[in-house]
């Protein structure tokens, strides 16, 4: 290569490198110009799926592009988290991050395949999800104490359904068994929808699962609610008492928010967060989430990261205390 051609090549490469940092800004200006994928690491009909669809439908309207829910259930949420981690960081893949998929599943892996704190960028938290303890209405119990006494009398013959090994309902149920000093046979199902359906059908006797998965069934009489996991009574849960009134100190609820793949341009993250804030403030969204007994919580990405870090620490203690393992 002669000298003039070499100089031209160097100038061209330098120009391309100089222009590269401006790309995210240009991308953000036109973003979004096609549908966005929202990975839900849970099965259809689960509480996470329900809340994700409520938010996605209206957030898509705010952004001017459809947000398509992509259910990737399996391995307690690990599959969905791994897919999101490997996705192109261009703003066209979001993940509905939750307590179970982002922290509990991680704690149950011998060799973790993702780090919820380091492997993703944070948009914002949008919900606190209390767990509700429900039974089939035919079961002769109407309070937390009566359920505990009933299980003790049946000596392990009572079934506790969960959304699967490592799910939020699994960990919360295991925690309740330990705190209440009673036994039930754990029956894991493939997703929250299936586990709740098993209790409605009388196939299982009880479950304690995110409110969004059961409140419609409680309101219709298909399930009987005995208690919830918040530390005190909540107007969102009507007359349902906190489990803490029977088991002092019982306090275990979840959270939900949006992550994006690591490296997503900040201007795009800012645009997504602004859209999520606007969506969460819409009266119809607030109303829909309230029906699911879900509290709207919006903070900064940094505040959300702190929630995840605290959740990891708390769940590590719970997992160790109950000796929880993937079955």
C-alpha atoms as a PDB file:
ATOM      1  CA  UNK A   1       0.000   0.000   0.000  1.00  0.00           C
ATOM      2  CA  UNK A   2       1.437   3.403  -0.953  1.00  0.00           C
ATOM      3  CA  UNK A   3       1.731   6.266   1.532  1.00  0.00           C
ATOM      4  CA  UNK A   4      -1.258   8.358   0.292  1.00  0.00           C
ATOM      5  CA  UNK A   5      -3.585   5.352   0.471  1.00  0.00           C
ATOM      6  CA  UNK A   6      -2.298   4.449   3.936  1.00  0.00           C
ATOM      7  CA  UNK A   7      -2.917   7.988   5.171  1.00  0.00           C
ATOM      8  CA  UNK A   8      -6.437   7.932   3.735  1.00  0.00           C
ATOM      9  CA  UNK A   9      -7.156   4.640   5.498  1.00  0.00           C
ATOM     10  CA  UNK A  10      -5.910   5.979   8.851  1.00  0.00           C
ATOM     11  CA  UNK A  11      -8.055   9.106   8.485  1.00  0.00           C
ATOM     12  CA  UNK A  12     -11.136   7.018   7.644  1.00  0.00           C
ATOM     13  CA  UNK A  13     -10.666   4.732  10.645  1.00  0.00           C
ATOM     14  CA  UNK A  14     -10.070   7.679  12.976  1.00  0.00           C
ATOM     15  CA  UNK A  15     -13.188   9.402  11.691  1.00  0.00           C
ATOM     16  CA  UNK A  16     -15.287   6.304  12.270  1.00  0.00           C
ATOM     17  CA  UNK A  17     -13.979   5.946  15.825  1.00  0.00           C
ATOM     18  CA  UNK A  18     -14.596   9.607  16.563  1.00  0.00           C
ATOM     19  CA  UNK A  19     -18.165   9.361  15.315  1.00  0.00           C
ATOM     20  CA  UNK A  20     -18.974   6.191  17.288  1.00  0.00           C
ATOM     21  CA  UNK A  21     -19.869   7.829  20.631  1.00  0.00           C
ATOM     22  CA  UNK A  22     -22.561   9.896  18.930  1.00  0.00           C
ATOM     23  CA  UNK A  23     -24.413   6.775  17.798  1.00  0.00           C
ATOM     24  CA  UNK A  24     -26.332   6.185  21.055  1.00  0.00           C
ATOM     25  CA  UNK A  25     -27.646   9.753  20.950  1.00  0.00           C
ATOM     26  CA  UNK A  26     -28.856   9.339  17.378  1.00  0.00           C
ATOM     27  CA  UNK A  27     -30.347   5.962  18.226  1.00  0.00           C
ATOM     28  CA  UNK A  28     -32.194   7.418  21.220  1.00  0.00           C
ATOM     29  CA  UNK A  29     -33.588  10.268  19.117  1.00  0.00           C
ATOM     30  CA  UNK A  30     -35.401   7.849  16.814  1.00  0.00           C
ATOM     31  CA  UNK A  31     -36.141   5.276  19.521  1.00  0.00           C
ATOM     32  CA  UNK A  32     -38.345   3.309  19.412  1.00  0.00           C
ATOM     33  CA  UNK A  33     -39.076   2.768  15.727  1.00  0.00           C
ATOM     34  CA  UNK A  34     -40.183  -0.864  15.935  1.00  0.00           C
ATOM     35  CA  UNK A  35     -41.908  -3.147  18.491  1.00  0.00           C
ATOM     36  CA  UNK A  36     -40.123  -3.844  21.778  1.00  0.00           C
ATOM     37  CA  UNK A  37     -39.827  -7.308  23.310  1.00  0.00           C
ATOM     38  CA  UNK A  38     -40.564  -7.717  27.030  1.00  0.00           C
ATOM     39  CA  UNK A  39     -39.216 -11.006  28.353  1.00  0.00           C
ATOM     40  CA  UNK A  40     -41.343 -12.388  31.188  1.00  0.00           C
ATOM     41  CA  UNK A  41     -39.432 -15.192  32.950  1.00  0.00           C
ATOM     42  CA  UNK A  42     -42.697 -16.808  34.056  1.00  0.00           C
ATOM     43  CA  UNK A  43     -45.565 -18.734  32.535  1.00  0.00           C
ATOM     44  CA  UNK A  44     -48.740 -17.080  31.163  1.00  0.00           C
ATOM     45  CA  UNK A  45     -51.311 -16.533  33.894  1.00  0.00           C
ATOM     46  CA  UNK A  46     -48.726 -16.024  36.637  1.00  0.00           C
ATOM     47  CA  UNK A  47     -48.711 -12.891  38.781  1.00  0.00           C
ATOM     48  CA  UNK A  48     -45.596 -11.606  37.003  1.00  0.00           C
ATOM     49  CA  UNK A  49     -47.267 -12.153  33.639  1.00  0.00           C
ATOM     50  CA  UNK A  50     -50.444 -10.372  34.771  1.00  0.00           C
ATOM     51  CA  UNK A  51     -48.633  -7.277  36.051  1.00  0.00           C
ATOM     52  CA  UNK A  52     -46.269  -7.217  33.076  1.00  0.00           C
ATOM     53  CA  UNK A  53     -49.153  -7.177  30.612  1.00  0.00           C
ATOM     54  CA  UNK A  54     -50.959  -4.395  32.486  1.00  0.00           C
ATOM     55  CA  UNK A  55     -47.863  -2.191  32.313  1.00  0.00           C
ATOM     56  CA  UNK A  56     -46.721  -3.243  28.823  1.00  0.00           C
ATOM     57  CA  UNK A  57     -50.034  -2.440  27.140  1.00  0.00           C
ATOM     58  CA  UNK A  58     -50.104   1.170  28.318  1.00  0.00           C
ATOM     59  CA  UNK A  59     -46.362   1.760  28.214  1.00  0.00           C
ATOM     60  CA  UNK A  60     -46.436   0.772  24.557  1.00  0.00           C
ATOM     61  CA  UNK A  61     -49.047   3.469  23.974  1.00  0.00           C
ATOM     62  CA  UNK A  62     -46.845   6.033  25.733  1.00  0.00           C
ATOM     63  CA  UNK A  63     -43.800   5.084  23.630  1.00  0.00           C
ATOM     64  CA  UNK A  64     -45.773   4.846  20.397  1.00  0.00           C
ATOM     65  CA  UNK A  65     -44.708   1.253  19.728  1.00  0.00           C
ATOM     66  CA  UNK A  66     -46.154  -2.087  20.760  1.00  0.00           C
ATOM     67  CA  UNK A  67     -44.448  -3.912  23.628  1.00  0.00           C
ATOM     68  CA  UNK A  68     -44.721  -7.627  22.904  1.00  0.00           C
ATOM     69  CA  UNK A  69     -44.705  -9.962  25.917  1.00  0.00           C
ATOM     70  CA  UNK A  70     -42.429 -12.961  25.408  1.00  0.00           C
ATOM     71  CA  UNK A  71     -43.003 -15.610  28.117  1.00  0.00           C
ATOM     72  CA  UNK A  72     -39.786 -17.563  28.774  1.00  0.00           C
ATOM     73  CA  UNK A  73     -40.645 -19.669  31.799  1.00  0.00           C
ATOM     74  CA  UNK A  74     -38.446 -22.399  33.208  1.00  0.00           C
ATOM     75  CA  UNK A  75     -35.739 -23.088  35.787  1.00  0.00           C
ATOM     76  CA  UNK A  76     -37.283 -20.691  38.313  1.00  0.00           C
ATOM     77  CA  UNK A  77     -36.792 -17.747  35.927  1.00  0.00           C
ATOM     78  CA  UNK A  78     -33.168 -18.481  35.074  1.00  0.00           C
ATOM     79  CA  UNK A  79     -33.921 -19.108  31.379  1.00  0.00           C
ATOM     80  CA  UNK A  80     -35.514 -15.692  30.922  1.00  0.00           C
ATOM     81  CA  UNK A  81     -32.727 -13.934  32.815  1.00  0.00           C
ATOM     82  CA  UNK A  82     -30.077 -15.610  30.650  1.00  0.00           C
ATOM     83  CA  UNK A  83     -31.868 -14.686  27.415  1.00  0.00           C
ATOM     84  CA  UNK A  84     -32.091 -11.063  28.523  1.00  0.00           C
ATOM     85  CA  UNK A  85     -28.436 -10.992  29.559  1.00  0.00           C
ATOM     86  CA  UNK A  86     -27.371 -12.176  26.084  1.00  0.00           C
ATOM     87  CA  UNK A  87     -29.716  -9.865  24.141  1.00  0.00           C
ATOM     88  CA  UNK A  88     -28.479  -6.933  22.062  1.00  0.00           C
ATOM     89  CA  UNK A  89     -28.347  -3.813  24.291  1.00  0.00           C
ATOM     90  CA  UNK A  90     -30.314  -1.585  21.941  1.00  0.00           C
ATOM     91  CA  UNK A  91     -33.467  -0.908  23.958  1.00  0.00           C
ATOM     92  CA  UNK A  92     -35.573  -3.422  22.042  1.00  0.00           C
ATOM     93  CA  UNK A  93     -35.340  -6.098  24.740  1.00  0.00           C
ATOM     94  CA  UNK A  94     -36.608  -5.524  28.274  1.00  0.00           C
ATOM     95  CA  UNK A  95     -37.019  -8.040  31.066  1.00  0.00           C
ATOM     96  CA  UNK A  96     -39.631  -8.036  33.777  1.00  0.00           C
ATOM     97  CA  UNK A  97     -37.320  -8.456  36.752  1.00  0.00           C
ATOM     98  CA  UNK A  98     -38.719  -9.998  39.922  1.00  0.00           C
ATOM     99  CA  UNK A  99     -37.674 -11.177  43.354  1.00  0.00           C
ATOM    100  CA  UNK A 100     -37.839 -14.829  42.325  1.00  0.00           C
ATOM    101  CA  UNK A 101     -36.138 -14.762  38.930  1.00  0.00           C
ATOM    102  CA  UNK A 102     -33.527 -12.149  39.808  1.00  0.00           C
ATOM    103  CA  UNK A 103     -32.512 -13.143  43.341  1.00  0.00           C
ATOM    104  CA  UNK A 104     -34.001 -16.422  44.601  1.00  0.00           C
ATOM    105  CA  UNK A 105     -33.107 -18.395  41.464  1.00  0.00           C
ATOM    106  CA  UNK A 106     -29.563 -17.039  41.609  1.00  0.00           C
ATOM    107  CA  UNK A 107     -29.160 -18.221  45.211  1.00  0.00           C
ATOM    108  CA  UNK A 108     -30.204 -21.745  44.266  1.00  0.00           C
ATOM    109  CA  UNK A 109     -27.642 -22.112  41.471  1.00  0.00           C
ATOM    110  CA  UNK A 110     -24.402 -23.913  42.314  1.00  0.00           C
ATOM    111  CA  UNK A 111     -22.686 -21.973  39.555  1.00  0.00           C
ATOM    112  CA  UNK A 112     -24.634 -18.753  38.938  1.00  0.00           C
ATOM    113  CA  UNK A 113     -25.013 -17.909  35.261  1.00  0.00           C
ATOM    114  CA  UNK A 114     -25.908 -14.265  35.804  1.00  0.00           C
ATOM    115  CA  UNK A 115     -25.465 -11.474  38.334  1.00  0.00           C
ATOM    116  CA  UNK A 116     -28.591  -9.296  38.759  1.00  0.00           C
ATOM    117  CA  UNK A 117     -26.525  -6.392  40.047  1.00  0.00           C
ATOM    118  CA  UNK A 118     -23.725  -6.378  37.453  1.00  0.00           C
ATOM    119  CA  UNK A 119     -25.116  -7.992  34.286  1.00  0.00           C
ATOM    120  CA  UNK A 120     -28.033  -5.641  33.552  1.00  0.00           C
ATOM    121  CA  UNK A 121     -28.843  -1.957  33.424  1.00  0.00           C
ATOM    122  CA  UNK A 122     -31.785  -0.746  35.484  1.00  0.00           C
ATOM    123  CA  UNK A 123     -34.840   1.148  34.269  1.00  0.00           C
ATOM    124  CA  UNK A 124     -36.945   1.295  37.447  1.00  0.00           C
ATOM    125  CA  UNK A 125     -38.987  -0.689  39.918  1.00  0.00           C
ATOM    126  CA  UNK A 126     -42.742  -0.318  39.401  1.00  0.00           C
ATOM    127  CA  UNK A 127     -44.412  -2.533  42.006  1.00  0.00           C
ATOM    128  CA  UNK A 128     -44.356  -4.139  45.432  1.00  0.00           C
ATOM    129  CA  UNK A 129     -46.077  -7.522  45.342  1.00  0.00           C
ATOM    130  CA  UNK A 130     -47.402  -8.874  48.643  1.00  0.00           C
ATOM    131  CA  UNK A 131     -48.036 -12.600  48.940  1.00  0.00           C
ATOM    132  CA  UNK A 132     -51.464 -13.899  49.898  1.00  0.00           C
ATOM    133  CA  UNK A 133     -52.110 -17.185  51.707  1.00  0.00           C
ATOM    134  CA  UNK A 134     -55.120 -18.913  50.130  1.00  0.00           C
ATOM    135  CA  UNK A 135     -56.928 -22.232  50.532  1.00  0.00           C
ATOM    136  CA  UNK A 136     -59.646 -24.107  48.705  1.00  0.00           C
ATOM    137  CA  UNK A 137     -62.974 -22.947  50.223  1.00  0.00           C
ATOM    138  CA  UNK A 138     -63.871 -26.554  51.069  1.00  0.00           C
ATOM    139  CA  UNK A 139     -60.954 -26.777  53.488  1.00  0.00           C
ATOM    140  CA  UNK A 140     -62.328 -26.388  57.048  1.00  0.00           C
ATOM    141  CA  UNK A 141     -60.063 -23.466  57.996  1.00  0.00           C
ATOM    142  CA  UNK A 142     -60.744 -19.740  58.095  1.00  0.00           C
ATOM    143  CA  UNK A 143     -57.586 -18.318  59.658  1.00  0.00           C
ATOM    144  CA  UNK A 144     -53.823 -18.767  59.627  1.00  0.00           C
ATOM    145  CA  UNK A 145     -53.955 -20.400  63.056  1.00  0.00           C
ATOM    146  CA  UNK A 146     -56.634 -22.843  61.928  1.00  0.00           C
ATOM    147  CA  UNK A 147     -54.539 -23.814  58.893  1.00  0.00           C
ATOM    148  CA  UNK A 148     -51.510 -24.439  61.087  1.00  0.00           C
ATOM    149  CA  UNK A 149     -53.552 -26.564  63.494  1.00  0.00           C
ATOM    150  CA  UNK A 150     -55.171 -28.448  60.603  1.00  0.00           C
ATOM    151  CA  UNK A 151     -51.790 -29.259  59.046  1.00  0.00           C
ATOM    152  CA  UNK A 152     -50.383 -30.400  62.369  1.00  0.00           C
ATOM    153  CA  UNK A 153     -53.374 -32.695  62.817  1.00  0.00           C
ATOM    154  CA  UNK A 154     -52.914 -34.211  59.352  1.00  0.00           C
ATOM    155  CA  UNK A 155     -49.162 -34.819  59.840  1.00  0.00           C
ATOM    156  CA  UNK A 156     -47.842 -34.002  56.377  1.00  0.00           C
ATOM    157  CA  UNK A 157     -50.937 -35.069  54.439  1.00  0.00           C
ATOM    158  CA  UNK A 158     -51.744 -31.501  53.403  1.00  0.00           C
ATOM    159  CA  UNK A 159     -50.316 -30.239  50.071  1.00  0.00           C
ATOM    160  CA  UNK A 160     -48.720 -26.829  49.534  1.00  0.00           C
ATOM    161  CA  UNK A 161     -48.668 -25.792  45.866  1.00  0.00           C
ATOM    162  CA  UNK A 162     -45.995 -23.516  44.415  1.00  0.00           C
ATOM    163  CA  UNK A 163     -45.164 -22.061  41.008  1.00  0.00           C
ATOM    164  CA  UNK A 164     -42.109 -24.301  40.903  1.00  0.00           C
ATOM    165  CA  UNK A 165     -38.905 -24.981  42.774  1.00  0.00           C
ATOM    166  CA  UNK A 166     -37.206 -21.687  43.546  1.00  0.00           C
ATOM    167  CA  UNK A 167     -40.271 -19.548  42.831  1.00  0.00           C
ATOM    168  CA  UNK A 168     -41.412 -16.753  45.129  1.00  0.00           C
ATOM    169  CA  UNK A 169     -44.317 -18.930  46.272  1.00  0.00           C
ATOM    170  CA  UNK A 170     -41.917 -21.789  47.036  1.00  0.00           C
ATOM    171  CA  UNK A 171     -39.611 -19.668  49.179  1.00  0.00           C
ATOM    172  CA  UNK A 172     -42.458 -17.853  50.922  1.00  0.00           C
ATOM    173  CA  UNK A 173     -44.214 -21.152  51.632  1.00  0.00           C
ATOM    174  CA  UNK A 174     -41.039 -22.724  53.008  1.00  0.00           C
ATOM    175  CA  UNK A 175     -40.486 -19.650  55.171  1.00  0.00           C
ATOM    176  CA  UNK A 176     -44.076 -19.857  56.459  1.00  0.00           C
ATOM    177  CA  UNK A 177     -43.698 -23.563  57.313  1.00  0.00           C
ATOM    178  CA  UNK A 178     -40.587 -22.809  59.328  1.00  0.00           C
ATOM    179  CA  UNK A 179     -41.957 -19.716  61.039  1.00  0.00           C
ATOM    180  CA  UNK A 180     -45.258 -21.444  61.886  1.00  0.00           C
ATOM    181  CA  UNK A 181     -43.547 -24.703  62.899  1.00  0.00           C
ATOM    182  CA  UNK A 182     -45.794 -26.985  60.836  1.00  0.00           C
ATOM    183  CA  UNK A 183     -45.476 -29.302  57.843  1.00  0.00           C
ATOM    184  CA  UNK A 184     -47.007 -29.630  54.379  1.00  0.00           C
ATOM    185  CA  UNK A 185     -45.977 -31.586  51.316  1.00  0.00           C
ATOM    186  CA  UNK A 186     -44.509 -29.221  48.708  1.00  0.00           C
ATOM    187  CA  UNK A 187     -46.019 -29.796  45.251  1.00  0.00           C
ATOM    188  CA  UNK A 188     -44.232 -27.697  42.581  1.00  0.00           C
ATOM    189  CA  UNK A 189     -46.149 -26.819  39.399  1.00  0.00           C
ATOM    190  CA  UNK A 190     -45.024 -25.311  36.114  1.00  0.00           C
ATOM    191  CA  UNK A 191     -45.936 -21.709  36.807  1.00  0.00           C
ATOM    192  CA  UNK A 192     -48.127 -19.640  39.081  1.00  0.00           C
ATOM    193  CA  UNK A 193     -51.254 -20.121  36.988  1.00  0.00           C
ATOM    194  CA  UNK A 194     -51.038 -23.904  37.269  1.00  0.00           C
ATOM    195  CA  UNK A 195     -50.334 -23.867  41.008  1.00  0.00           C
ATOM    196  CA  UNK A 196     -53.277 -21.586  41.758  1.00  0.00           C
ATOM    197  CA  UNK A 197     -55.542 -23.678  39.512  1.00  0.00           C
ATOM    198  CA  UNK A 198     -54.580 -26.750  41.523  1.00  0.00           C
ATOM    199  CA  UNK A 199     -55.820 -25.144  44.734  1.00  0.00           C
ATOM    200  CA  UNK A 200     -59.038 -24.006  43.063  1.00  0.00           C
ATOM    201  CA  UNK A 201     -59.601 -27.570  41.837  1.00  0.00           C
ATOM    202  CA  UNK A 202     -58.865 -29.054  45.272  1.00  0.00           C
ATOM    203  CA  UNK A 203     -55.859 -30.916  43.928  1.00  0.00           C
ATOM    204  CA  UNK A 204     -53.679 -28.974  46.384  1.00  0.00           C
ATOM    205  CA  UNK A 205     -54.835 -27.540  49.692  1.00  0.00           C
ATOM    206  CA  UNK A 206     -53.099 -24.180  49.934  1.00  0.00           C
ATOM    207  CA  UNK A 207     -50.529 -21.833  48.482  1.00  0.00           C
ATOM    208  CA  UNK A 208     -48.997 -18.500  49.410  1.00  0.00           C
ATOM    209  CA  UNK A 209     -48.276 -16.585  46.242  1.00  0.00           C
ATOM    210  CA  UNK A 210     -48.147 -13.020  44.855  1.00  0.00           C
ATOM    211  CA  UNK A 211     -51.490 -11.274  45.246  1.00  0.00           C
ATOM    212  CA  UNK A 212     -51.852 -10.632  41.525  1.00  0.00           C
ATOM    213  CA  UNK A 213     -52.160 -14.379  40.913  1.00  0.00           C
ATOM    214  CA  UNK A 214     -55.061 -14.917  43.313  1.00  0.00           C
ATOM    215  CA  UNK A 215     -57.063 -11.789  44.117  1.00  0.00           C
ATOM    216  CA  UNK A 216     -59.542 -12.222  41.256  1.00  0.00           C
ATOM    217  CA  UNK A 217     -60.229 -15.761  42.516  1.00  0.00           C
ATOM    218  CA  UNK A 218     -60.546 -14.546  46.104  1.00  0.00           C
ATOM    219  CA  UNK A 219     -63.024 -11.860  45.040  1.00  0.00           C
ATOM    220  CA  UNK A 220     -65.068 -14.412  43.078  1.00  0.00           C
ATOM    221  CA  UNK A 221     -65.153 -16.900  45.960  1.00  0.00           C
ATOM    222  CA  UNK A 222     -63.096 -19.588  44.220  1.00  0.00           C
ATOM    223  CA  UNK A 223     -60.411 -19.217  46.877  1.00  0.00           C
ATOM    224  CA  UNK A 224     -60.447 -18.204  50.539  1.00  0.00           C
ATOM    225  CA  UNK A 225     -57.726 -15.789  51.699  1.00  0.00           C
ATOM    226  CA  UNK A 226     -56.377 -16.323  55.199  1.00  0.00           C
ATOM    227  CA  UNK A 227     -53.588 -13.772  55.420  1.00  0.00           C
ATOM    228  CA  UNK A 228     -50.982 -11.708  53.592  1.00  0.00           C
ATOM    229  CA  UNK A 229     -47.247 -11.139  53.890  1.00  0.00           C
ATOM    230  CA  UNK A 230     -47.113  -7.407  54.573  1.00  0.00           C
ATOM    231  CA  UNK A 231     -46.207  -6.469  58.166  1.00  0.00           C
ATOM    232  CA  UNK A 232     -49.495  -4.653  58.748  1.00  0.00           C
ATOM    233  CA  UNK A 233     -52.986  -4.324  57.278  1.00  0.00           C
ATOM    234  CA  UNK A 234     -53.339  -2.735  53.844  1.00  0.00           C
ATOM    235  CA  UNK A 235     -56.350  -1.063  52.203  1.00  0.00           C
ATOM    236  CA  UNK A 236     -55.390  -2.859  48.987  1.00  0.00           C
ATOM    237  CA  UNK A 237     -56.099  -6.177  50.696  1.00  0.00           C
ATOM    238  CA  UNK A 238     -59.363  -5.254  52.391  1.00  0.00           C
ATOM    239  CA  UNK A 239     -60.137  -7.316  55.478  1.00  0.00           C
ATOM    240  CA  UNK A 240     -57.398  -9.880  54.879  1.00  0.00           C
ATOM    241  CA  UNK A 241     -55.196  -9.816  58.002  1.00  0.00           C
ATOM    242  CA  UNK A 242     -51.400  -9.901  57.946  1.00  0.00           C
ATOM    243  CA  UNK A 243     -49.863 -13.263  58.806  1.00  0.00           C
ATOM    244  CA  UNK A 244     -47.796 -11.283  61.325  1.00  0.00           C
ATOM    245  CA  UNK A 245     -50.881 -11.065  63.546  1.00  0.00           C
ATOM    246  CA  UNK A 246     -50.556 -14.828  64.025  1.00  0.00           C
ATOM    247  CA  UNK A 247     -46.807 -15.281  63.520  1.00  0.00           C
ATOM    248  CA  UNK A 248     -45.133 -12.148  64.930  1.00  0.00           C
ATOM    249  CA  UNK A 249     -42.460 -10.685  62.669  1.00  0.00           C
ATOM    250  CA  UNK A 250     -43.581 -12.457  59.491  1.00  0.00           C
ATOM    251  CA  UNK A 251     -42.810 -10.062  56.642  1.00  0.00           C
ATOM    252  CA  UNK A 252     -42.043 -11.302  53.151  1.00  0.00           C
ATOM    253  CA  UNK A 253     -43.193  -9.596  49.965  1.00  0.00           C
ATOM    254  CA  UNK A 254     -41.721  -9.227  46.495  1.00  0.00           C
ATOM    255  CA  UNK A 255     -41.020  -6.538  43.921  1.00  0.00           C
ATOM    256  CA  UNK A 256     -41.148  -6.118  40.165  1.00  0.00           C
ATOM    257  CA  UNK A 257     -39.430  -3.752  37.747  1.00  0.00           C
ATOM    258  CA  UNK A 258     -37.672  -3.470  34.406  1.00  0.00           C
ATOM    259  CA  UNK A 259     -34.075  -4.362  33.494  1.00  0.00           C
ATOM    260  CA  UNK A 260     -32.380  -4.019  30.103  1.00  0.00           C
ATOM    261  CA  UNK A 261     -29.233  -5.776  28.814  1.00  0.00           C
ATOM    262  CA  UNK A 262     -25.967  -4.313  30.086  1.00  0.00           C
ATOM    263  CA  UNK A 263     -24.641  -1.613  27.794  1.00  0.00           C
ATOM    264  CA  UNK A 264     -27.992  -0.198  26.698  1.00  0.00           C
ATOM    265  CA  UNK A 265     -27.390   3.509  25.908  1.00  0.00           C
ATOM    266  CA  UNK A 266     -28.326   5.776  28.810  1.00  0.00           C
ATOM    267  CA  UNK A 267     -30.511   8.096  26.670  1.00  0.00           C
ATOM    268  CA  UNK A 268     -32.644   5.064  25.788  1.00  0.00           C
ATOM    269  CA  UNK A 269     -32.838   3.966  29.433  1.00  0.00           C
ATOM    270  CA  UNK A 270     -33.886   7.506  30.375  1.00  0.00           C
ATOM    271  CA  UNK A 271     -36.617   7.441  27.732  1.00  0.00           C
ATOM    272  CA  UNK A 272     -37.853   4.059  28.976  1.00  0.00           C
ATOM    273  CA  UNK A 273     -37.900   5.220  32.584  1.00  0.00           C
ATOM    274  CA  UNK A 274     -39.830   8.376  31.670  1.00  0.00           C
ATOM    275  CA  UNK A 275     -42.379   6.218  29.842  1.00  0.00           C
ATOM    276  CA  UNK A 276     -42.666   3.829  32.803  1.00  0.00           C
ATOM    277  CA  UNK A 277     -43.223   6.727  35.213  1.00  0.00           C
ATOM    278  CA  UNK A 278     -45.921   8.201  32.974  1.00  0.00           C
ATOM    279  CA  UNK A 279     -47.543   4.773  32.554  1.00  0.00           C
ATOM    280  CA  UNK A 280     -47.587   4.077  36.293  1.00  0.00           C
ATOM    281  CA  UNK A 281     -49.316   7.402  36.929  1.00  0.00           C
ATOM    282  CA  UNK A 282     -52.170   6.674  34.520  1.00  0.00           C
ATOM    283  CA  UNK A 283     -55.437   6.253  36.492  1.00  0.00           C
ATOM    284  CA  UNK A 284     -56.355   3.097  34.561  1.00  0.00           C
ATOM    285  CA  UNK A 285     -52.990   1.490  35.361  1.00  0.00           C
ATOM    286  CA  UNK A 286     -53.170   2.431  39.036  1.00  0.00           C
ATOM    287  CA  UNK A 287     -56.677   1.004  39.163  1.00  0.00           C
ATOM    288  CA  UNK A 288     -55.710  -2.227  37.395  1.00  0.00           C
ATOM    289  CA  UNK A 289     -52.751  -2.767  39.724  1.00  0.00           C
ATOM    290  CA  UNK A 290     -54.888  -1.984  42.791  1.00  0.00           C
ATOM    291  CA  UNK A 291     -57.333  -4.717  41.752  1.00  0.00           C
ATOM    292  CA  UNK A 292     -54.337  -7.065  41.917  1.00  0.00           C
ATOM    293  CA  UNK A 293     -53.502  -5.713  45.413  1.00  0.00           C
ATOM    294  CA  UNK A 294     -50.231  -4.405  43.988  1.00  0.00           C
ATOM    295  CA  UNK A 295     -48.688  -1.186  45.255  1.00  0.00           C
ATOM    296  CA  UNK A 296     -47.150   1.129  42.647  1.00  0.00           C
ATOM    297  CA  UNK A 297     -43.570   2.099  43.531  1.00  0.00           C
ATOM    298  CA  UNK A 298     -41.365   4.145  41.207  1.00  0.00           C
ATOM    299  CA  UNK A 299     -37.831   5.213  42.016  1.00  0.00           C
ATOM    300  CA  UNK A 300     -34.537   5.948  40.321  1.00  0.00           C
ATOM    301  CA  UNK A 301     -32.414   3.216  38.737  1.00  0.00           C
ATOM    302  CA  UNK A 302     -30.015   3.577  41.675  1.00  0.00           C
ATOM    303  CA  UNK A 303     -32.840   3.092  44.178  1.00  0.00           C
ATOM    304  CA  UNK A 304     -33.984   0.001  42.274  1.00  0.00           C
ATOM    305  CA  UNK A 305     -30.460  -1.420  42.352  1.00  0.00           C
ATOM    306  CA  UNK A 306     -30.444  -0.956  46.136  1.00  0.00           C
ATOM    307  CA  UNK A 307     -33.772  -2.843  46.362  1.00  0.00           C
ATOM    308  CA  UNK A 308     -32.217  -5.756  44.448  1.00  0.00           C
ATOM    309  CA  UNK A 309     -29.077  -5.762  46.586  1.00  0.00           C
ATOM    310  CA  UNK A 310     -31.143  -5.753  49.791  1.00  0.00           C
ATOM    311  CA  UNK A 311     -33.371  -8.503  48.380  1.00  0.00           C
ATOM    312  CA  UNK A 312     -30.333 -10.669  47.655  1.00  0.00           C
ATOM    313  CA  UNK A 313     -29.093 -10.271  51.209  1.00  0.00           C
ATOM    314  CA  UNK A 314     -32.498 -10.980  52.772  1.00  0.00           C
ATOM    315  CA  UNK A 315     -33.255 -13.970  50.564  1.00  0.00           C
ATOM    316  CA  UNK A 316     -29.814 -15.461  51.195  1.00  0.00           C
ATOM    317  CA  UNK A 317     -30.670 -15.550  54.895  1.00  0.00           C
ATOM    318  CA  UNK A 318     -34.103 -17.061  54.234  1.00  0.00           C
ATOM    319  CA  UNK A 319     -32.735 -19.711  51.852  1.00  0.00           C
ATOM    320  CA  UNK A 320     -30.115 -20.690  54.430  1.00  0.00           C
ATOM    321  CA  UNK A 321     -32.614 -20.663  57.303  1.00  0.00           C
ATOM    322  CA  UNK A 322     -35.110 -22.961  55.581  1.00  0.00           C
ATOM    323  CA  UNK A 323     -32.463 -25.116  53.897  1.00  0.00           C
ATOM    324  CA  UNK A 324     -34.111 -24.559  50.529  1.00  0.00           C
ATOM    325  CA  UNK A 325     -32.806 -26.493  47.528  1.00  0.00           C
ATOM    326  CA  UNK A 326     -34.035 -27.122  44.001  1.00  0.00           C
ATOM    327  CA  UNK A 327     -36.027 -30.352  44.213  1.00  0.00           C
END
